[in-house]
Amino acid sequence: MQKQSIFDDEVHGLDGPDYVALVIEWDGIADDLENQNSQAAMPSAPKAVVGPSLTTLGTVVGALGVLLLAVWGIHRLRA
C-alpha cells in the first residue's frame, strides 16, 4: 500500500503571490489591532495617590519594630 504525503504537488495554497498578499494583509490587521489596544490601555491622566504607598508603610513598620526590639533589649539588660 502506498502512503500519500500531505505535501502533495496538487496543493498550491501555501505558495505564490496569493499567500504573500494574505500574510501582508494579516500583518496590517494585526498592527491596527495592536495600535488600538495600546491607545486604549494608556490612561489619559495620571491617577492621584490617595494614601501612603506600601513601601512607606513597610518602612514605618520596620522602623517601629527595630525601636521596640531595642527598648525590649535594654529593658532585659537592666533587669
PDB file of N, CA and C in Angstrom:
ATOM      1  N   MET A   1       0.847  -1.162   0.000  1.00  0.00           N
ATOM      2  CA  MET A   1       0.000   0.000   0.000  1.00  0.00           C
ATOM      3  C   MET A   1       0.905   1.242   0.000  1.00  0.00           C
ATOM      4  N   GLN A   2       0.585   2.174  -0.830  1.00  0.00           N
ATOM      5  CA  GLN A   2       1.413   3.357  -0.988  1.00  0.00           C
ATOM      6  C   GLN A   2       0.888   4.474  -0.074  1.00  0.00           C
ATOM      7  N   LYS A   3       1.804   5.109   0.686  1.00  0.00           N
ATOM      8  CA  LYS A   3       1.416   6.207   1.569  1.00  0.00           C
ATOM      9  C   LYS A   3       1.455   7.518   0.796  1.00  0.00           C
ATOM     10  N   GLN A   4       0.438   8.342   1.037  1.00  0.00           N
ATOM     11  CA  GLN A   4       0.408   9.641   0.368  1.00  0.00           C
ATOM     12  C   GLN A   4       0.976  10.708   1.298  1.00  0.00           C
ATOM     13  N   SER A   5       1.710  11.589   0.746  1.00  0.00           N
ATOM     14  CA  SER A   5       2.302  12.676   1.515  1.00  0.00           C
ATOM     15  C   SER A   5       1.280  13.805   1.678  1.00  0.00           C
ATOM     16  N   ILE A   6       1.325  14.473   2.810  1.00  0.00           N
ATOM     17  CA  ILE A   6       0.440  15.616   2.996  1.00  0.00           C
ATOM     18  C   ILE A   6       0.905  16.799   2.162  1.00  0.00           C
ATOM     19  N   PHE A   7       2.149  16.777   1.738  1.00  0.00           N
ATOM     20  CA  PHE A   7       2.681  17.830   0.890  1.00  0.00           C
ATOM     21  C   PHE A   7       2.616  17.372  -0.568  1.00  0.00           C
ATOM     22  N   ASP A   8       1.424  17.226  -1.067  1.00  0.00           N
ATOM     23  CA  ASP A   8       1.204  16.752  -2.425  1.00  0.00           C
ATOM     24  C   ASP A   8       1.450  17.900  -3.402  1.00  0.00           C
ATOM     25  N   ASP A   9       1.803  17.580  -4.611  1.00  0.00           N
ATOM     26  CA  ASP A   9       2.074  18.601  -5.618  1.00  0.00           C
ATOM     27  C   ASP A   9       0.822  19.348  -6.038  1.00  0.00           C
ATOM     28  N   GLU A  10      -0.338  18.791  -5.805  1.00  0.00           N
ATOM     29  CA  GLU A  10      -1.580  19.423  -6.222  1.00  0.00           C
ATOM     30  C   GLU A  10      -2.035  20.519  -5.263  1.00  0.00           C
ATOM     31  N   VAL A  11      -1.465  20.598  -4.055  1.00  0.00           N
ATOM     32  CA  VAL A  11      -1.850  21.612  -3.071  1.00  0.00           C
ATOM     33  C   VAL A  11      -1.003  22.850  -3.314  1.00  0.00           C
ATOM     34  N   HIS A  12      -1.668  23.956  -3.698  1.00  0.00           N
ATOM     35  CA  HIS A  12      -0.946  25.188  -4.005  1.00  0.00           C
ATOM     36  C   HIS A  12      -1.365  26.319  -3.073  1.00  0.00           C
ATOM     37  N   GLY A  13      -1.967  26.028  -1.934  1.00  0.00           N
ATOM     38  CA  GLY A  13      -2.483  27.063  -1.058  1.00  0.00           C
ATOM     39  C   GLY A  13      -1.428  27.858  -0.323  1.00  0.00           C
ATOM     40  N   LEU A  14      -0.248  27.305  -0.121  1.00  0.00           N
ATOM     41  CA  LEU A  14       0.771  27.988   0.663  1.00  0.00           C
ATOM     42  C   LEU A  14       1.948  28.461  -0.180  1.00  0.00           C
ATOM     43  N   ASP A  15       1.751  28.605  -1.457  1.00  0.00           N
ATOM     44  CA  ASP A  15       2.821  29.061  -2.330  1.00  0.00           C
ATOM     45  C   ASP A  15       2.320  30.225  -3.169  1.00  0.00           C
ATOM     46  N   GLY A  16       3.243  31.003  -3.640  1.00  0.00           N
ATOM     47  CA  GLY A  16       2.927  32.015  -4.624  1.00  0.00           C
ATOM     48  C   GLY A  16       2.508  33.340  -4.046  1.00  0.00           C
ATOM     49  N   PRO A  17       2.109  34.242  -4.942  1.00  0.00           N
ATOM     50  CA  PRO A  17       1.804  35.624  -4.546  1.00  0.00           C
ATOM     51  C   PRO A  17       0.532  35.745  -3.709  1.00  0.00           C
ATOM     52  N   ASP A  18      -0.401  34.798  -3.845  1.00  0.00           N
ATOM     53  CA  ASP A  18      -1.622  34.884  -3.032  1.00  0.00           C
ATOM     54  C   ASP A  18      -1.304  34.732  -1.551  1.00  0.00           C
ATOM     55  N   TYR A  19      -0.408  33.822  -1.224  1.00  0.00           N
ATOM     56  CA  TYR A  19      -0.021  33.616   0.171  1.00  0.00           C
ATOM     57  C   TYR A  19       0.700  34.839   0.712  1.00  0.00           C
ATOM     58  N   VAL A  20       1.586  35.412  -0.077  1.00  0.00           N
ATOM     59  CA  VAL A  20       2.333  36.596   0.356  1.00  0.00           C
ATOM     60  C   VAL A  20       1.384  37.760   0.595  1.00  0.00           C
ATOM     61  N   ALA A  21       0.419  37.949  -0.290  1.00  0.00           N
ATOM     62  CA  ALA A  21      -0.553  39.026  -0.120  1.00  0.00           C
ATOM     63  C   ALA A  21      -1.396  38.804   1.126  1.00  0.00           C
ATOM     64  N   LEU A  22      -1.755  37.563   1.389  1.00  0.00           N
ATOM     65  CA  LEU A  22      -2.542  37.255   2.579  1.00  0.00           C
ATOM     66  C   LEU A  22      -1.754  37.546   3.850  1.00  0.00           C
ATOM     67  N   VAL A  23      -0.478  37.194   3.870  1.00  0.00           N
ATOM     68  CA  VAL A  23       0.362  37.458   5.042  1.00  0.00           C
ATOM     69  C   VAL A  23       0.513  38.950   5.258  1.00  0.00           C
ATOM     70  N   ILE A  24       0.712  39.712   4.192  1.00  0.00           N
ATOM     71  CA  ILE A  24       0.846  41.167   4.323  1.00  0.00           C
ATOM     72  C   ILE A  24      -0.453  41.771   4.842  1.00  0.00           C
ATOM     73  N   GLU A  25      -1.594  41.275   4.353  1.00  0.00           N
ATOM     74  CA  GLU A  25      -2.878  41.785   4.820  1.00  0.00           C
ATOM     75  C   GLU A  25      -3.075  41.479   6.304  1.00  0.00           C
ATOM     76  N   TRP A  26      -2.779  40.251   6.721  1.00  0.00           N
ATOM     77  CA  TRP A  26      -2.910  39.892   8.132  1.00  0.00           C
ATOM     78  C   TRP A  26      -1.975  40.707   9.004  1.00  0.00           C
ATOM     79  N   ASP A  27      -0.780  41.001   8.500  1.00  0.00           N
ATOM     80  CA  ASP A  27       0.181  41.796   9.266  1.00  0.00           C
ATOM     81  C   ASP A  27      -0.358  43.207   9.486  1.00  0.00           C
ATOM     82  N   GLY A  28      -0.976  43.780   8.466  1.00  0.00           N
ATOM     83  CA  GLY A  28      -1.568  45.109   8.608  1.00  0.00           C
ATOM     84  C   GLY A  28      -2.711  45.119   9.598  1.00  0.00           C
ATOM     85  N   ILE A  29      -3.550  44.089   9.554  1.00  0.00           N
ATOM     86  CA  ILE A  29      -4.669  43.991  10.504  1.00  0.00           C
ATOM     87  C   ILE A  29      -4.151  43.840  11.926  1.00  0.00           C
ATOM     88  N   ALA A  30      -3.112  43.025  12.099  1.00  0.00           N
ATOM     89  CA  ALA A  30      -2.533  42.837  13.439  1.00  0.00           C
ATOM     90  C   ALA A  30      -1.934  44.136  13.959  1.00  0.00           C
ATOM     91  N   ASP A  31      -1.273  44.909  13.102  1.00  0.00           N
ATOM     92  CA  ASP A  31      -0.716  46.195  13.525  1.00  0.00           C
ATOM     93  C   ASP A  31      -1.815  47.166  13.949  1.00  0.00           C
ATOM     94  N   ASP A  32      -2.919  47.187  13.188  1.00  0.00           N
ATOM     95  CA  ASP A  32      -4.039  48.058  13.552  1.00  0.00           C
ATOM     96  C   ASP A  32      -4.631  47.683  14.904  1.00  0.00           C
ATOM     97  N   LEU A  33      -4.788  46.383  15.163  1.00  0.00           N
ATOM     98  CA  LEU A  33      -5.320  45.935  16.450  1.00  0.00           C
ATOM     99  C   LEU A  33      -4.378  46.271  17.596  1.00  0.00           C
ATOM    100  N   GLU A  34      -3.073  46.117  17.383  1.00  0.00           N
ATOM    101  CA  GLU A  34      -2.112  46.461  18.431  1.00  0.00           C
ATOM    102  C   GLU A  34      -2.150  47.953  18.733  1.00  0.00           C
ATOM    103  N   ASN A  35      -2.268  48.785  17.716  1.00  0.00           N
ATOM    104  CA  ASN A  35      -2.342  50.229  17.946  1.00  0.00           C
ATOM    105  C   ASN A  35      -3.605  50.603  18.703  1.00  0.00           C
ATOM    106  N   GLN A  36      -4.734  49.975  18.376  1.00  0.00           N
ATOM    107  CA  GLN A  36      -5.979  50.255  19.087  1.00  0.00           C
ATOM    108  C   GLN A  36      -5.878  49.823  20.544  1.00  0.00           C
ATOM    109  N   ASN A  37      -5.282  48.662  20.800  1.00  0.00           N
ATOM    110  CA  ASN A  37      -5.157  48.172  22.179  1.00  0.00           C
ATOM    111  C   ASN A  37      -4.195  49.025  22.985  1.00  0.00           C
ATOM    112  N   SER A  38      -3.114  49.479  22.381  1.00  0.00           N
ATOM    113  CA  SER A  38      -2.142  50.279  23.139  1.00  0.00           C
ATOM    114  C   SER A  38      -2.709  51.656  23.454  1.00  0.00           C
ATOM    115  N   GLN A  39      -3.507  52.223  22.547  1.00  0.00           N
ATOM    116  CA  GLN A  39      -4.114  53.526  22.817  1.00  0.00           C
ATOM    117  C   GLN A  39      -5.196  53.414  23.882  1.00  0.00           C
ATOM    118  N   ALA A  40      -5.919  52.309  23.909  1.00  0.00           N
ATOM    119  CA  ALA A  40      -6.965  52.126  24.911  1.00  0.00           C
ATOM    120  C   ALA A  40      -6.368  51.838  26.280  1.00  0.00           C
ATOM    121  N   ALA A  41      -5.187  51.226  26.315  1.00  0.00           N
ATOM    122  CA  ALA A  41      -4.568  50.873  27.595  1.00  0.00           C
ATOM    123  C   ALA A  41      -3.872  52.057  28.250  1.00  0.00           C
ATOM    124  N   MET A  42      -3.508  53.069  27.469  1.00  0.00           N
ATOM    125  CA  MET A  42      -2.798  54.213  28.034  1.00  0.00           C
ATOM    126  C   MET A  42      -3.791  55.166  28.689  1.00  0.00           C
ATOM    127  N   PRO A  43      -3.615  55.462  29.976  1.00  0.00           N
ATOM    128  CA  PRO A  43      -4.530  56.394  30.637  1.00  0.00           C
ATOM    129  C   PRO A  43      -4.283  57.812  30.145  1.00  0.00           C
ATOM    130  N   SER A  44      -5.334  58.611  30.126  1.00  0.00           N
ATOM    131  CA  SER A  44      -5.211  59.979  29.633  1.00  0.00           C
ATOM    132  C   SER A  44      -4.584  60.898  30.683  1.00  0.00           C
ATOM    133  N   ALA A  45      -4.815  60.648  31.958  1.00  0.00           N
ATOM    134  CA  ALA A  45      -4.249  61.471  33.017  1.00  0.00           C
ATOM    135  C   ALA A  45      -3.760  60.559  34.137  1.00  0.00           C
ATOM    136  N   PRO A  46      -2.650  60.916  34.779  1.00  0.00           N
ATOM    137  CA  PRO A  46      -2.169  60.073  35.887  1.00  0.00           C
ATOM    138  C   PRO A  46      -3.132  60.135  37.071  1.00  0.00           C
ATOM    139  N   LYS A  47      -3.241  59.032  37.764  1.00  0.00           N
ATOM    140  CA  LYS A  47      -4.131  58.955  38.918  1.00  0.00           C
ATOM    141  C   LYS A  47      -3.394  59.445  40.166  1.00  0.00           C
ATOM    142  N   ALA A  48      -4.100  60.145  41.022  1.00  0.00           N
ATOM    143  CA  ALA A  48      -3.520  60.658  42.253  1.00  0.00           C
ATOM    144  C   ALA A  48      -3.442  59.553  43.292  1.00  0.00           C
ATOM    145  N   VAL A  49      -2.372  59.556  44.068  1.00  0.00           N
ATOM    146  CA  VAL A  49      -2.214  58.576  45.139  1.00  0.00           C
ATOM    147  C   VAL A  49      -3.028  59.059  46.328  1.00  0.00           C
ATOM    148  N   VAL A  50      -3.936  58.214  46.805  1.00  0.00           N
ATOM    149  CA  VAL A  50      -4.854  58.609  47.867  1.00  0.00           C
ATOM    150  C   VAL A  50      -4.181  58.536  49.230  1.00  0.00           C
ATOM    151  N   GLY A  51      -3.449  57.486  49.487  1.00  0.00           N
ATOM    152  CA  GLY A  51      -2.814  57.312  50.791  1.00  0.00           C
ATOM    153  C   GLY A  51      -1.354  56.958  50.625  1.00  0.00           C
ATOM    154  N   PRO A  52      -0.703  56.625  51.725  1.00  0.00           N
ATOM    155  CA  PRO A  52       0.705  56.257  51.636  1.00  0.00           C
ATOM    156  C   PRO A  52       0.889  54.947  50.868  1.00  0.00           C
ATOM    157  N   SER A  53       2.022  54.835  50.227  1.00  0.00           N
ATOM    158  CA  SER A  53       2.271  53.618  49.450  1.00  0.00           C
ATOM    159  C   SER A  53       2.684  52.478  50.377  1.00  0.00           C
ATOM    160  N   LEU A  54       2.712  51.283  49.832  1.00  0.00           N
ATOM    161  CA  LEU A  54       3.093  50.113  50.623  1.00  0.00           C
ATOM    162  C   LEU A  54       4.555  50.183  51.049  1.00  0.00           C
ATOM    163  N   THR A  55       5.389  50.790  50.232  1.00  0.00           N
ATOM    164  CA  THR A  55       6.803  50.925  50.601  1.00  0.00           C
ATOM    165  C   THR A  55       6.956  51.813  51.827  1.00  0.00           C
ATOM    166  N   THR A  56       6.205  52.913  51.854  1.00  0.00           N
ATOM    167  CA  THR A  56       6.274  53.817  53.007  1.00  0.00           C
ATOM    168  C   THR A  56       5.761  53.124  54.267  1.00  0.00           C
ATOM    169  N   LEU A  57       4.652  52.414  54.140  1.00  0.00           N
ATOM    170  CA  LEU A  57       4.114  51.704  55.304  1.00  0.00           C
ATOM    171  C   LEU A  57       5.079  50.634  55.801  1.00  0.00           C
ATOM    172  N   GLY A  58       5.721  49.926  54.893  1.00  0.00           N
ATOM    173  CA  GLY A  58       6.696  48.910  55.284  1.00  0.00           C
ATOM    174  C   GLY A  58       7.888  49.507  55.998  1.00  0.00           C
ATOM    175  N   THR A  59       8.347  50.663  55.535  1.00  0.00           N
ATOM    176  CA  THR A  59       9.475  51.339  56.184  1.00  0.00           C
ATOM    177  C   THR A  59       9.113  51.780  57.598  1.00  0.00           C
ATOM    178  N   VAL A  60       7.928  52.342  57.775  1.00  0.00           N
ATOM    179  CA  VAL A  60       7.498  52.811  59.096  1.00  0.00           C
ATOM    180  C   VAL A  60       7.337  51.633  60.053  1.00  0.00           C
ATOM    181  N   VAL A  61       6.708  50.570  59.602  1.00  0.00           N
ATOM    182  CA  VAL A  61       6.514  49.396  60.467  1.00  0.00           C
ATOM    183  C   VAL A  61       7.859  48.769  60.815  1.00  0.00           C
ATOM    184  N   GLY A  62       8.769  48.712  59.881  1.00  0.00           N
ATOM    185  CA  GLY A  62      10.102  48.165  60.153  1.00  0.00           C
ATOM    186  C   GLY A  62      10.862  49.000  61.170  1.00  0.00           C
ATOM    187  N   ALA A  63      10.789  50.328  61.035  1.00  0.00           N
ATOM    188  CA  ALA A  63      11.472  51.215  61.988  1.00  0.00           C
ATOM    189  C   ALA A  63      10.882  51.073  63.388  1.00  0.00           C
ATOM    190  N   LEU A  64       9.558  50.989  63.486  1.00  0.00           N
ATOM    191  CA  LEU A  64       8.943  50.798  64.800  1.00  0.00           C
ATOM    192  C   LEU A  64       9.332  49.451  65.405  1.00  0.00           C
ATOM    193  N   GLY A  65       9.443  48.428  64.576  1.00  0.00           N
ATOM    194  CA  GLY A  65       9.867  47.115  65.064  1.00  0.00           C
ATOM    195  C   GLY A  65      11.281  47.147  65.615  1.00  0.00           C
ATOM    196  N   VAL A  66      12.177  47.848  64.929  1.00  0.00           N
ATOM    197  CA  VAL A  66      13.564  47.962  65.410  1.00  0.00           C
ATOM    198  C   VAL A  66      13.610  48.733  66.722  1.00  0.00           C
ATOM    199  N   LEU A  67      12.830  49.816  66.836  1.00  0.00           N
ATOM    200  CA  LEU A  67      12.809  50.588  68.091  1.00  0.00           C
ATOM    201  C   LEU A  67      12.252  49.754  69.240  1.00  0.00           C
ATOM    202  N   LEU A  68      11.181  49.023  68.992  1.00  0.00           N
ATOM    203  CA  LEU A  68      10.612  48.182  70.049  1.00  0.00           C
ATOM    204  C   LEU A  68      11.590  47.081  70.469  1.00  0.00           C
ATOM    205  N   LEU A  69      12.298  46.504  69.520  1.00  0.00           N
ATOM    206  CA  LEU A  69      13.289  45.486  69.839  1.00  0.00           C
ATOM    207  C   LEU A  69      14.438  46.080  70.673  1.00  0.00           C
ATOM    208  N   ALA A  70      14.855  47.292  70.332  1.00  0.00           N
ATOM    209  CA  ALA A  70      15.927  47.940  71.100  1.00  0.00           C
ATOM    210  C   ALA A  70      15.467  48.248  72.530  1.00  0.00           C
ATOM    211  N   VAL A  71      14.242  48.753  72.686  1.00  0.00           N
ATOM    212  CA  VAL A  71      13.712  49.052  74.025  1.00  0.00           C
ATOM    213  C   VAL A  71      13.590  47.774  74.835  1.00  0.00           C
ATOM    214  N   TRP A  72      13.104  46.712  74.236  1.00  0.00           N
ATOM    215  CA  TRP A  72      12.976  45.431  74.942  1.00  0.00           C
ATOM    216  C   TRP A  72      14.360  44.907  75.346  1.00  0.00           C
ATOM    217  N   GLY A  73      15.352  45.031  74.454  1.00  0.00           N
ATOM    218  CA  GLY A  73      16.688  44.560  74.769  1.00  0.00           C
ATOM    219  C   GLY A  73      17.319  45.331  75.902  1.00  0.00           C
ATOM    220  N   ILE A  74      17.155  46.643  75.932  1.00  0.00           N
ATOM    221  CA  ILE A  74      17.679  47.469  77.017  1.00  0.00           C
ATOM    222  C   ILE A  74      16.997  47.118  78.326  1.00  0.00           C
ATOM    223  N   HIS A  75      15.701  46.916  78.271  1.00  0.00           N
ATOM    224  CA  HIS A  75      14.955  46.540  79.472  1.00  0.00           C
ATOM    225  C   HIS A  75      15.443  45.207  80.032  1.00  0.00           C
ATOM    226  N   ARG A  76      15.704  44.233  79.169  1.00  0.00           N
ATOM    227  CA  ARG A  76      16.197  42.919  79.600  1.00  0.00           C
ATOM    228  C   ARG A  76      17.604  43.018  80.172  1.00  0.00           C
ATOM    229  N   LEU A  77      18.437  43.894  79.634  1.00  0.00           N
ATOM    230  CA  LEU A  77      19.805  44.024  80.131  1.00  0.00           C
ATOM    231  C   LEU A  77      19.834  44.684  81.510  1.00  0.00           C
ATOM    232  N   ARG A  78      18.922  45.588  81.784  1.00  0.00           N
ATOM    233  CA  ARG A  78      18.878  46.266  83.081  1.00  0.00           C
ATOM    234  C   ARG A  78      18.317  45.357  84.169  1.00  0.00           C
ATOM    235  N   ALA A  79      17.527  44.404  83.829  1.00  0.00           N
ATOM    236  CA  ALA A  79      16.875  43.546  84.816  1.00  0.00           C
ATOM    237  C   ALA A  79      17.790  42.509  85.389  1.00  0.00           C
TER     238      ALA A  79
END
